Amino acid sequence: LYRLCGAMIGIDIVAISRISKLKQRRGEEFLRYFLSDDEIKIAKTDATIAGFFAAKEAISKALGCGISAEFSFFDAQIYKDDKNAPKVKFSEKIIKNFNLKDAQITISHDGGFAIAAAILQKAD
């Protein structure tokens, strides 16, 4: 966790093979553990699923609370803009409790891994 000028930064990395194995073993139940119906619709590959998982973990790290009672996987909804860039929308609970003004995420895949970074900014 790194804080600079009101910015909170979190990073996470996930082996895509780990996600593939869990999805194979637990199927739809595994996806529904951390993805909404809308996220499942756009996450067509294991690499994308791993990226979404990493993004939500990165967000929880930026918030400084991890996945917990303070922040659940469903408090952040990942979607893609018209240029296919990942974006995040937070629940009202998170916006209020963490006083968030803005959020940016980025997700990359390479060498069998998905990595995500989240930069969150608090309101003044």
N, C-alpha and C. Protein backbone atom coordinates (compact mmCIF):
# COMPACT_ATOMS: atom_id res chain seq x y z
N LEU A 1 0.85 -1.18 0.00
CA LEU A 1 0.00 0.00 0.00
C LEU A 1 0.89 1.23 0.00
N TYR A 2 0.57 2.16 -0.89
CA TYR A 2 1.36 3.36 -1.04
C TYR A 2 0.42 4.56 -1.13
N ARG A 3 0.62 5.56 -0.33
CA ARG A 3 -0.25 6.73 -0.37
C ARG A 3 0.60 7.96 -0.71
N LEU A 4 0.12 8.73 -1.70
CA LEU A 4 0.81 9.94 -2.10
C LEU A 4 -0.23 10.96 -2.54
N CYS A 5 -0.25 12.12 -1.92
CA CYS A 5 -1.17 13.19 -2.29
C CYS A 5 -2.62 12.70 -2.39
N GLY A 6 -3.06 11.94 -1.44
CA GLY A 6 -4.43 11.45 -1.43
C GLY A 6 -4.68 10.26 -2.34
N ALA A 7 -3.65 9.82 -3.07
CA ALA A 7 -3.82 8.65 -3.94
C ALA A 7 -3.49 7.38 -3.16
N MET A 8 -4.26 6.36 -3.41
CA MET A 8 -4.03 5.05 -2.80
C MET A 8 -3.80 4.07 -3.94
N ILE A 9 -2.70 3.32 -3.86
CA ILE A 9 -2.32 2.44 -4.95
C ILE A 9 -2.25 1.00 -4.45
N GLY A 10 -2.80 0.09 -5.24
CA GLY A 10 -2.73 -1.33 -4.94
C GLY A 10 -2.38 -2.10 -6.20
N ILE A 11 -1.65 -3.19 -6.04
CA ILE A 11 -1.22 -4.05 -7.16
C ILE A 11 -1.44 -5.50 -6.77
N ASP A 12 -1.83 -6.32 -7.74
CA ASP A 12 -1.97 -7.75 -7.49
C ASP A 12 -1.60 -8.51 -8.76
N ILE A 13 -1.10 -9.72 -8.58
CA ILE A 13 -0.75 -10.60 -9.69
C ILE A 13 -1.33 -11.99 -9.43
N VAL A 14 -1.83 -12.63 -10.49
CA VAL A 14 -2.47 -13.94 -10.38
C VAL A 14 -2.00 -14.82 -11.52
N ALA A 15 -1.67 -16.06 -11.21
CA ALA A 15 -1.34 -17.03 -12.25
C ALA A 15 -2.65 -17.43 -12.94
N ILE A 16 -2.70 -17.28 -14.25
CA ILE A 16 -3.91 -17.62 -14.99
C ILE A 16 -4.24 -19.10 -14.81
N SER A 17 -3.21 -19.96 -14.71
CA SER A 17 -3.44 -21.40 -14.53
C SER A 17 -4.17 -21.69 -13.23
N ARG A 18 -3.93 -20.90 -12.20
CA ARG A 18 -4.64 -21.06 -10.92
C ARG A 18 -6.13 -20.83 -11.11
N ILE A 19 -6.48 -19.79 -11.84
CA ILE A 19 -7.88 -19.48 -12.12
C ILE A 19 -8.49 -20.58 -12.98
N SER A 20 -7.76 -21.05 -13.99
CA SER A 20 -8.26 -22.12 -14.86
C SER A 20 -8.58 -23.38 -14.07
N LYS A 21 -7.69 -23.75 -13.16
CA LYS A 21 -7.90 -24.95 -12.34
C LYS A 21 -9.13 -24.80 -11.44
N LEU A 22 -9.26 -23.66 -10.80
CA LEU A 22 -10.41 -23.43 -9.92
C LEU A 22 -11.71 -23.41 -10.71
N LYS A 23 -11.68 -22.80 -11.89
CA LYS A 23 -12.88 -22.75 -12.73
C LYS A 23 -13.25 -24.15 -13.22
N GLN A 24 -12.24 -24.95 -13.56
CA GLN A 24 -12.48 -26.32 -14.01
C GLN A 24 -13.10 -27.15 -12.88
N ARG A 25 -12.57 -27.00 -11.70
CA ARG A 25 -13.02 -27.77 -10.55
C ARG A 25 -14.39 -27.35 -10.03
N ARG A 26 -14.64 -26.01 -9.98
CA ARG A 26 -15.86 -25.52 -9.35
C ARG A 26 -16.84 -24.86 -10.32
N GLY A 27 -16.43 -24.65 -11.56
CA GLY A 27 -17.32 -24.13 -12.60
C GLY A 27 -17.93 -22.79 -12.28
N GLU A 28 -19.20 -22.66 -12.62
CA GLU A 28 -19.95 -21.41 -12.46
C GLU A 28 -19.95 -20.92 -11.01
N GLU A 29 -19.96 -21.85 -10.07
CA GLU A 29 -19.94 -21.49 -8.63
C GLU A 29 -18.70 -20.67 -8.31
N PHE A 30 -17.56 -21.04 -8.88
CA PHE A 30 -16.33 -20.29 -8.65
C PHE A 30 -16.45 -18.87 -9.18
N LEU A 31 -16.96 -18.71 -10.39
CA LEU A 31 -17.10 -17.38 -10.98
C LEU A 31 -18.03 -16.51 -10.15
N ARG A 32 -19.11 -17.08 -9.67
CA ARG A 32 -20.11 -16.33 -8.89
C ARG A 32 -19.60 -15.96 -7.49
N TYR A 33 -18.47 -16.52 -7.09
CA TYR A 33 -17.85 -16.18 -5.81
C TYR A 33 -17.32 -14.74 -5.82
N PHE A 34 -16.89 -14.26 -7.01
CA PHE A 34 -16.29 -12.93 -7.05
C PHE A 34 -16.71 -12.06 -8.24
N LEU A 35 -17.53 -12.60 -9.14
CA LEU A 35 -17.96 -11.82 -10.30
C LEU A 35 -19.49 -11.69 -10.34
N SER A 36 -19.96 -10.53 -10.77
CA SER A 36 -21.39 -10.30 -10.97
C SER A 36 -21.80 -10.93 -12.31
N ASP A 37 -23.09 -11.00 -12.56
CA ASP A 37 -23.58 -11.52 -13.84
C ASP A 37 -23.03 -10.73 -15.02
N ASP A 38 -23.01 -9.40 -14.90
CA ASP A 38 -22.48 -8.56 -15.98
C ASP A 38 -20.99 -8.80 -16.21
N GLU A 39 -20.23 -9.00 -15.13
CA GLU A 39 -18.80 -9.27 -15.28
C GLU A 39 -18.58 -10.64 -15.93
N ILE A 40 -19.38 -11.63 -15.56
CA ILE A 40 -19.25 -12.97 -16.16
C ILE A 40 -19.50 -12.89 -17.66
N LYS A 41 -20.46 -12.07 -18.08
CA LYS A 41 -20.78 -11.93 -19.51
C LYS A 41 -19.60 -11.40 -20.33
N ILE A 42 -18.80 -10.49 -19.76
CA ILE A 42 -17.70 -9.91 -20.54
C ILE A 42 -16.36 -10.61 -20.30
N ALA A 43 -16.27 -11.45 -19.29
CA ALA A 43 -15.03 -12.18 -18.99
C ALA A 43 -15.06 -13.54 -19.70
N LYS A 44 -14.74 -13.54 -20.97
CA LYS A 44 -14.90 -14.74 -21.79
C LYS A 44 -13.71 -15.71 -21.73
N THR A 45 -12.56 -15.24 -21.28
CA THR A 45 -11.38 -16.10 -21.22
C THR A 45 -10.86 -16.20 -19.78
N ASP A 46 -10.09 -17.24 -19.52
CA ASP A 46 -9.49 -17.39 -18.19
C ASP A 46 -8.54 -16.24 -17.89
N ALA A 47 -7.88 -15.71 -18.91
CA ALA A 47 -6.98 -14.58 -18.71
C ALA A 47 -7.76 -13.35 -18.23
N THR A 48 -8.91 -13.11 -18.83
CA THR A 48 -9.74 -11.97 -18.42
C THR A 48 -10.27 -12.18 -17.01
N ILE A 49 -10.71 -13.39 -16.72
CA ILE A 49 -11.21 -13.71 -15.37
C ILE A 49 -10.11 -13.46 -14.34
N ALA A 50 -8.90 -13.93 -14.64
CA ALA A 50 -7.76 -13.72 -13.74
C ALA A 50 -7.48 -12.23 -13.57
N GLY A 51 -7.59 -11.48 -14.66
CA GLY A 51 -7.38 -10.03 -14.59
C GLY A 51 -8.41 -9.34 -13.71
N PHE A 52 -9.66 -9.76 -13.82
CA PHE A 52 -10.71 -9.18 -12.98
C PHE A 52 -10.47 -9.51 -11.50
N PHE A 53 -10.05 -10.76 -11.24
CA PHE A 53 -9.74 -11.15 -9.86
C PHE A 53 -8.60 -10.28 -9.32
N ALA A 54 -7.53 -10.15 -10.11
CA ALA A 54 -6.38 -9.34 -9.69
C ALA A 54 -6.79 -7.89 -9.47
N ALA A 55 -7.67 -7.36 -10.33
CA ALA A 55 -8.11 -5.97 -10.19
C ALA A 55 -8.86 -5.76 -8.88
N LYS A 56 -9.74 -6.68 -8.54
CA LYS A 56 -10.50 -6.54 -7.29
C LYS A 56 -9.58 -6.66 -6.07
N GLU A 57 -8.60 -7.54 -6.16
CA GLU A 57 -7.61 -7.65 -5.07
C GLU A 57 -6.77 -6.37 -4.98
N ALA A 58 -6.37 -5.82 -6.12
CA ALA A 58 -5.59 -4.58 -6.12
C ALA A 58 -6.39 -3.44 -5.51
N ILE A 59 -7.67 -3.38 -5.82
CA ILE A 59 -8.54 -2.35 -5.25
C ILE A 59 -8.60 -2.51 -3.73
N SER A 60 -8.76 -3.74 -3.26
CA SER A 60 -8.85 -3.96 -1.81
C SER A 60 -7.55 -3.56 -1.11
N LYS A 61 -6.44 -3.77 -1.79
CA LYS A 61 -5.14 -3.37 -1.22
C LYS A 61 -5.01 -1.85 -1.20
N ALA A 62 -5.47 -1.19 -2.25
CA ALA A 62 -5.43 0.27 -2.28
C ALA A 62 -6.28 0.86 -1.16
N LEU A 63 -7.41 0.22 -0.89
CA LEU A 63 -8.28 0.68 0.20
C LEU A 63 -7.68 0.38 1.57
N GLY A 64 -6.72 -0.54 1.61
CA GLY A 64 -6.04 -0.86 2.86
C GLY A 64 -6.79 -1.83 3.76
N CYS A 65 -7.78 -2.54 3.19
CA CYS A 65 -8.57 -3.43 4.04
C CYS A 65 -8.64 -4.86 3.53
N GLY A 66 -8.15 -5.12 2.33
CA GLY A 66 -8.27 -6.45 1.77
C GLY A 66 -9.73 -6.80 1.52
N ILE A 67 -9.96 -8.03 1.09
CA ILE A 67 -11.33 -8.51 0.91
C ILE A 67 -11.83 -8.85 2.31
N SER A 68 -12.84 -8.12 2.76
CA SER A 68 -13.27 -8.23 4.15
C SER A 68 -14.70 -7.72 4.28
N ALA A 69 -15.12 -7.53 5.52
CA ALA A 69 -16.44 -6.95 5.77
C ALA A 69 -16.49 -5.51 5.25
N GLU A 70 -15.34 -4.85 5.20
CA GLU A 70 -15.29 -3.47 4.71
C GLU A 70 -15.41 -3.39 3.19
N PHE A 71 -14.90 -4.40 2.49
CA PHE A 71 -14.90 -4.41 1.02
C PHE A 71 -15.06 -5.84 0.52
N SER A 72 -16.19 -6.09 -0.14
CA SER A 72 -16.40 -7.42 -0.72
C SER A 72 -16.12 -7.36 -2.21
N PHE A 73 -15.97 -8.52 -2.83
CA PHE A 73 -15.76 -8.58 -4.27
C PHE A 73 -16.86 -7.85 -5.04
N PHE A 74 -18.06 -7.79 -4.47
CA PHE A 74 -19.19 -7.20 -5.18
C PHE A 74 -19.36 -5.70 -4.93
N ASP A 75 -18.46 -5.11 -4.15
CA ASP A 75 -18.46 -3.67 -3.95
C ASP A 75 -17.79 -2.92 -5.09
N ALA A 76 -17.14 -3.67 -5.99
CA ALA A 76 -16.50 -3.08 -7.17
C ALA A 76 -16.98 -3.84 -8.40
N GLN A 77 -17.54 -3.13 -9.35
CA GLN A 77 -18.03 -3.72 -10.60
C GLN A 77 -17.09 -3.30 -11.72
N ILE A 78 -16.46 -4.28 -12.36
CA ILE A 78 -15.56 -3.99 -13.47
C ILE A 78 -16.34 -4.07 -14.77
N TYR A 79 -16.10 -3.09 -15.62
CA TYR A 79 -16.72 -3.06 -16.94
C TYR A 79 -15.69 -2.53 -17.93
N LYS A 80 -16.03 -2.53 -19.20
CA LYS A 80 -15.11 -2.02 -20.21
C LYS A 80 -15.75 -0.85 -20.93
N ASP A 81 -14.93 0.17 -21.23
CA ASP A 81 -15.45 1.32 -21.94
C ASP A 81 -15.49 1.02 -23.44
N ASP A 82 -15.84 2.02 -24.24
CA ASP A 82 -15.99 1.79 -25.68
C ASP A 82 -14.67 1.50 -26.40
N LYS A 83 -13.56 1.70 -25.72
CA LYS A 83 -12.24 1.35 -26.27
C LYS A 83 -11.71 0.05 -25.68
N ASN A 84 -12.58 -0.66 -24.94
CA ASN A 84 -12.26 -1.94 -24.30
C ASN A 84 -11.30 -1.81 -23.11
N ALA A 85 -11.16 -0.61 -22.58
CA ALA A 85 -10.31 -0.40 -21.40
C ALA A 85 -11.11 -0.73 -20.14
N PRO A 86 -10.47 -1.37 -19.16
CA PRO A 86 -11.20 -1.70 -17.93
C PRO A 86 -11.48 -0.46 -17.09
N LYS A 87 -12.67 -0.43 -16.54
CA LYS A 87 -13.11 0.64 -15.65
C LYS A 87 -13.75 0.00 -14.43
N VAL A 88 -13.94 0.77 -13.37
CA VAL A 88 -14.55 0.24 -12.17
C VAL A 88 -15.61 1.20 -11.65
N LYS A 89 -16.70 0.61 -11.18
CA LYS A 89 -17.77 1.36 -10.53
C LYS A 89 -17.92 0.78 -9.13
N PHE A 90 -17.98 1.65 -8.13
CA PHE A 90 -18.07 1.21 -6.74
C PHE A 90 -19.50 1.30 -6.22
N SER A 91 -19.78 0.48 -5.21
CA SER A 91 -21.05 0.59 -4.50
C SER A 91 -21.05 1.91 -3.73
N GLU A 92 -22.24 2.40 -3.46
CA GLU A 92 -22.37 3.65 -2.69
C GLU A 92 -21.69 3.51 -1.32
N LYS A 93 -21.76 2.32 -0.74
CA LYS A 93 -21.13 2.07 0.57
C LYS A 93 -19.63 2.39 0.51
N ILE A 94 -18.97 1.93 -0.53
CA ILE A 94 -17.52 2.14 -0.65
C ILE A 94 -17.21 3.61 -0.92
N ILE A 95 -17.97 4.23 -1.81
CA ILE A 95 -17.74 5.65 -2.11
C ILE A 95 -17.86 6.47 -0.83
N LYS A 96 -18.87 6.20 -0.04
CA LYS A 96 -19.11 6.95 1.20
C LYS A 96 -18.08 6.61 2.28
N ASN A 97 -17.89 5.31 2.55
CA ASN A 97 -17.01 4.90 3.65
C ASN A 97 -15.54 5.26 3.43
N PHE A 98 -15.12 5.28 2.16
CA PHE A 98 -13.72 5.58 1.87
C PHE A 98 -13.54 6.96 1.24
N ASN A 99 -14.64 7.71 1.12
CA ASN A 99 -14.59 9.07 0.61
C ASN A 99 -13.89 9.14 -0.76
N LEU A 100 -14.30 8.26 -1.67
CA LEU A 100 -13.63 8.18 -2.97
C LEU A 100 -14.14 9.22 -3.96
N LYS A 101 -13.20 9.79 -4.70
CA LYS A 101 -13.53 10.76 -5.74
C LYS A 101 -13.32 10.17 -7.13
N ASP A 102 -12.27 9.37 -7.30
CA ASP A 102 -11.93 8.85 -8.62
C ASP A 102 -11.21 7.52 -8.47
N ALA A 103 -11.28 6.71 -9.52
CA ALA A 103 -10.60 5.41 -9.51
C ALA A 103 -10.18 5.05 -10.93
N GLN A 104 -8.99 4.53 -11.05
CA GLN A 104 -8.47 4.03 -12.32
C GLN A 104 -7.90 2.65 -12.08
N ILE A 105 -8.16 1.74 -13.02
CA ILE A 105 -7.54 0.42 -12.94
C ILE A 105 -6.89 0.10 -14.29
N THR A 106 -5.91 -0.75 -14.23
CA THR A 106 -5.29 -1.26 -15.44
C THR A 106 -5.02 -2.74 -15.22
N ILE A 107 -5.18 -3.51 -16.29
CA ILE A 107 -4.98 -4.95 -16.22
C ILE A 107 -4.11 -5.37 -17.41
N SER A 108 -3.10 -6.21 -17.14
CA SER A 108 -2.24 -6.72 -18.21
C SER A 108 -2.07 -8.22 -18.04
N HIS A 109 -1.75 -8.88 -19.15
CA HIS A 109 -1.53 -10.33 -19.16
C HIS A 109 -0.23 -10.62 -19.91
N ASP A 110 0.60 -11.49 -19.33
CA ASP A 110 1.83 -11.90 -20.02
C ASP A 110 2.44 -13.08 -19.27
N GLY A 111 3.03 -13.99 -20.01
CA GLY A 111 3.76 -15.09 -19.41
C GLY A 111 2.94 -15.95 -18.46
N GLY A 112 1.64 -16.06 -18.73
CA GLY A 112 0.80 -16.89 -17.88
C GLY A 112 0.29 -16.21 -16.63
N PHE A 113 0.49 -14.90 -16.55
CA PHE A 113 0.05 -14.14 -15.38
C PHE A 113 -0.86 -12.99 -15.79
N ALA A 114 -1.73 -12.62 -14.86
CA ALA A 114 -2.53 -11.40 -15.00
C ALA A 114 -2.10 -10.49 -13.85
N ILE A 115 -1.86 -9.25 -14.17
CA ILE A 115 -1.47 -8.27 -13.15
C ILE A 115 -2.40 -7.07 -13.27
N ALA A 116 -2.75 -6.51 -12.13
CA ALA A 116 -3.63 -5.35 -12.12
C ALA A 116 -3.12 -4.32 -11.13
N ALA A 117 -3.36 -3.06 -11.46
CA ALA A 117 -3.04 -1.96 -10.56
C ALA A 117 -4.29 -1.09 -10.43
N ALA A 118 -4.49 -0.58 -9.24
CA ALA A 118 -5.61 0.32 -8.96
C ALA A 118 -5.06 1.58 -8.31
N ILE A 119 -5.52 2.71 -8.81
CA ILE A 119 -5.17 4.00 -8.22
C ILE A 119 -6.48 4.68 -7.84
N LEU A 120 -6.66 4.88 -6.55
CA LEU A 120 -7.88 5.47 -6.02
C LEU A 120 -7.56 6.83 -5.43
N GLN A 121 -8.46 7.78 -5.60
CA GLN A 121 -8.24 9.10 -5.06
C GLN A 121 -9.40 9.48 -4.16
N LYS A 122 -9.04 9.96 -2.98
CA LYS A 122 -10.07 10.42 -2.03
C LYS A 122 -10.53 11.82 -2.40
N ALA A 123 -11.77 12.11 -2.05
CA ALA A 123 -12.30 13.46 -2.23
C ALA A 123 -11.62 14.38 -1.23
N ASP A 124 -11.52 15.64 -1.56
CA ASP A 124 -10.85 16.61 -0.66
C ASP A 124 -11.65 16.85 0.59
